[in-house]
């Protein structure tokens, strides 16, 4: 969604924004902040999967491959505060 929180789901950009705003409330100018991750970012952004051992990581692309793709609902995937 932005530089601090990433969502996944089989949805249009507008549907992703609507789901985010339903969760957190309206945020003016959000449409300007939303972007899809590039291939380079998918392959270089670390996903920390064990909060007790931050040395354990995989790339966002690797984690996405493990997610349940049968659920098309827009949902939280990762964030800087989690």
Protein backbone atom coordinates (compact mmCIF):
# COMPACT_ATOMS: atom_id res chain seq x y z
CA UNK A 1 0.00 0.00 0.00
CA UNK A 2 2.82 2.39 0.86
CA UNK A 3 6.36 2.39 2.28
CA UNK A 4 5.20 1.07 5.67
CA UNK A 5 2.52 -1.49 4.97
CA UNK A 6 1.95 -4.07 2.24
CA UNK A 7 -1.31 -5.83 1.41
CA UNK A 8 -2.06 -8.72 -0.92
CA UNK A 9 -5.15 -10.06 -2.64
CA UNK A 10 -6.63 -10.60 -6.06
CA UNK A 11 -8.14 -7.14 -6.27
CA UNK A 12 -7.96 -3.95 -8.27
CA UNK A 13 -6.08 -0.96 -6.89
CA UNK A 14 -9.39 0.69 -5.98
CA UNK A 15 -10.54 -2.45 -4.12
CA UNK A 16 -7.25 -2.59 -2.20
CA UNK A 17 -7.59 1.06 -1.18
CA UNK A 18 -11.21 0.51 -0.11
CA UNK A 19 -10.22 -2.50 2.03
CA UNK A 20 -7.36 -0.55 3.62
CA UNK A 21 -9.64 2.40 4.37
CA UNK A 22 -12.31 0.10 5.78
CA UNK A 23 -9.68 -1.26 8.18
CA UNK A 24 -8.04 2.04 9.16
CA UNK A 25 -10.40 4.80 8.09
CA UNK A 26 -10.24 7.35 5.32
CA UNK A 27 -6.86 8.85 4.51
CA UNK A 28 -6.74 11.78 2.13
CA UNK A 29 -4.34 11.46 -0.78
CA UNK A 30 -3.91 7.73 -0.31
CA UNK A 31 -4.37 7.09 -4.01
CA UNK A 32 -1.05 8.90 -4.57
CA UNK A 33 0.78 6.61 -2.10
CA UNK A 34 -0.37 3.22 -3.38
CA UNK A 35 1.90 1.30 -5.71
CA UNK A 36 2.64 -2.27 -6.72
CA UNK A 37 6.09 -3.58 -5.87
CA UNK A 38 8.50 -3.90 -8.78
CA UNK A 39 10.27 -7.17 -9.51
CA UNK A 40 13.44 -5.69 -8.01
CA UNK A 41 11.65 -4.84 -4.75
CA UNK A 42 9.94 -8.24 -4.60
CA UNK A 43 13.37 -9.86 -4.84
CA UNK A 44 15.21 -7.53 -2.46
CA UNK A 45 12.76 -6.59 0.32
CA UNK A 46 13.28 -8.86 3.33
CA UNK A 47 10.32 -10.58 4.97
CA UNK A 48 11.09 -11.32 8.63
CA UNK A 49 9.11 -14.45 9.47
CA UNK A 50 10.35 -15.05 13.03
CA UNK A 51 10.00 -12.07 15.37
CA UNK A 52 12.26 -13.84 17.87
CA UNK A 53 15.12 -14.21 15.38
CA UNK A 54 15.37 -11.32 12.92
CA UNK A 55 18.22 -13.02 11.12
CA UNK A 56 15.64 -15.40 9.60
CA UNK A 57 14.36 -13.79 6.42
CA UNK A 58 13.10 -14.58 2.97
CA UNK A 59 12.27 -12.21 0.15
CA UNK A 60 8.78 -10.86 -0.34
CA UNK A 61 8.55 -12.99 -3.50
CA UNK A 62 9.44 -16.13 -1.54
CA UNK A 63 6.86 -15.34 1.14
CA UNK A 64 4.18 -14.58 -1.44
CA UNK A 65 4.70 -18.05 -2.89
CA UNK A 66 3.78 -19.49 0.53
CA UNK A 67 0.59 -17.44 0.98
CA UNK A 68 -2.93 -18.83 0.49
CA UNK A 69 -3.85 -17.75 -3.03
CA UNK A 70 -7.32 -19.28 -2.76
CA UNK A 71 -8.39 -16.26 -0.71
CA UNK A 72 -8.80 -13.30 -3.07
CA UNK A 73 -9.74 -10.91 -0.25
CA UNK A 74 -7.42 -7.89 0.13
CA UNK A 75 -5.51 -8.38 3.38
CA UNK A 76 -2.49 -7.31 5.36
CA UNK A 77 0.75 -9.00 4.28
CA UNK A 78 3.63 -7.18 6.00
CA UNK A 79 4.45 -3.95 7.78
CA UNK A 80 7.28 -2.06 9.37
CA UNK A 81 5.53 -2.06 12.77
CA UNK A 82 4.77 -5.79 12.96
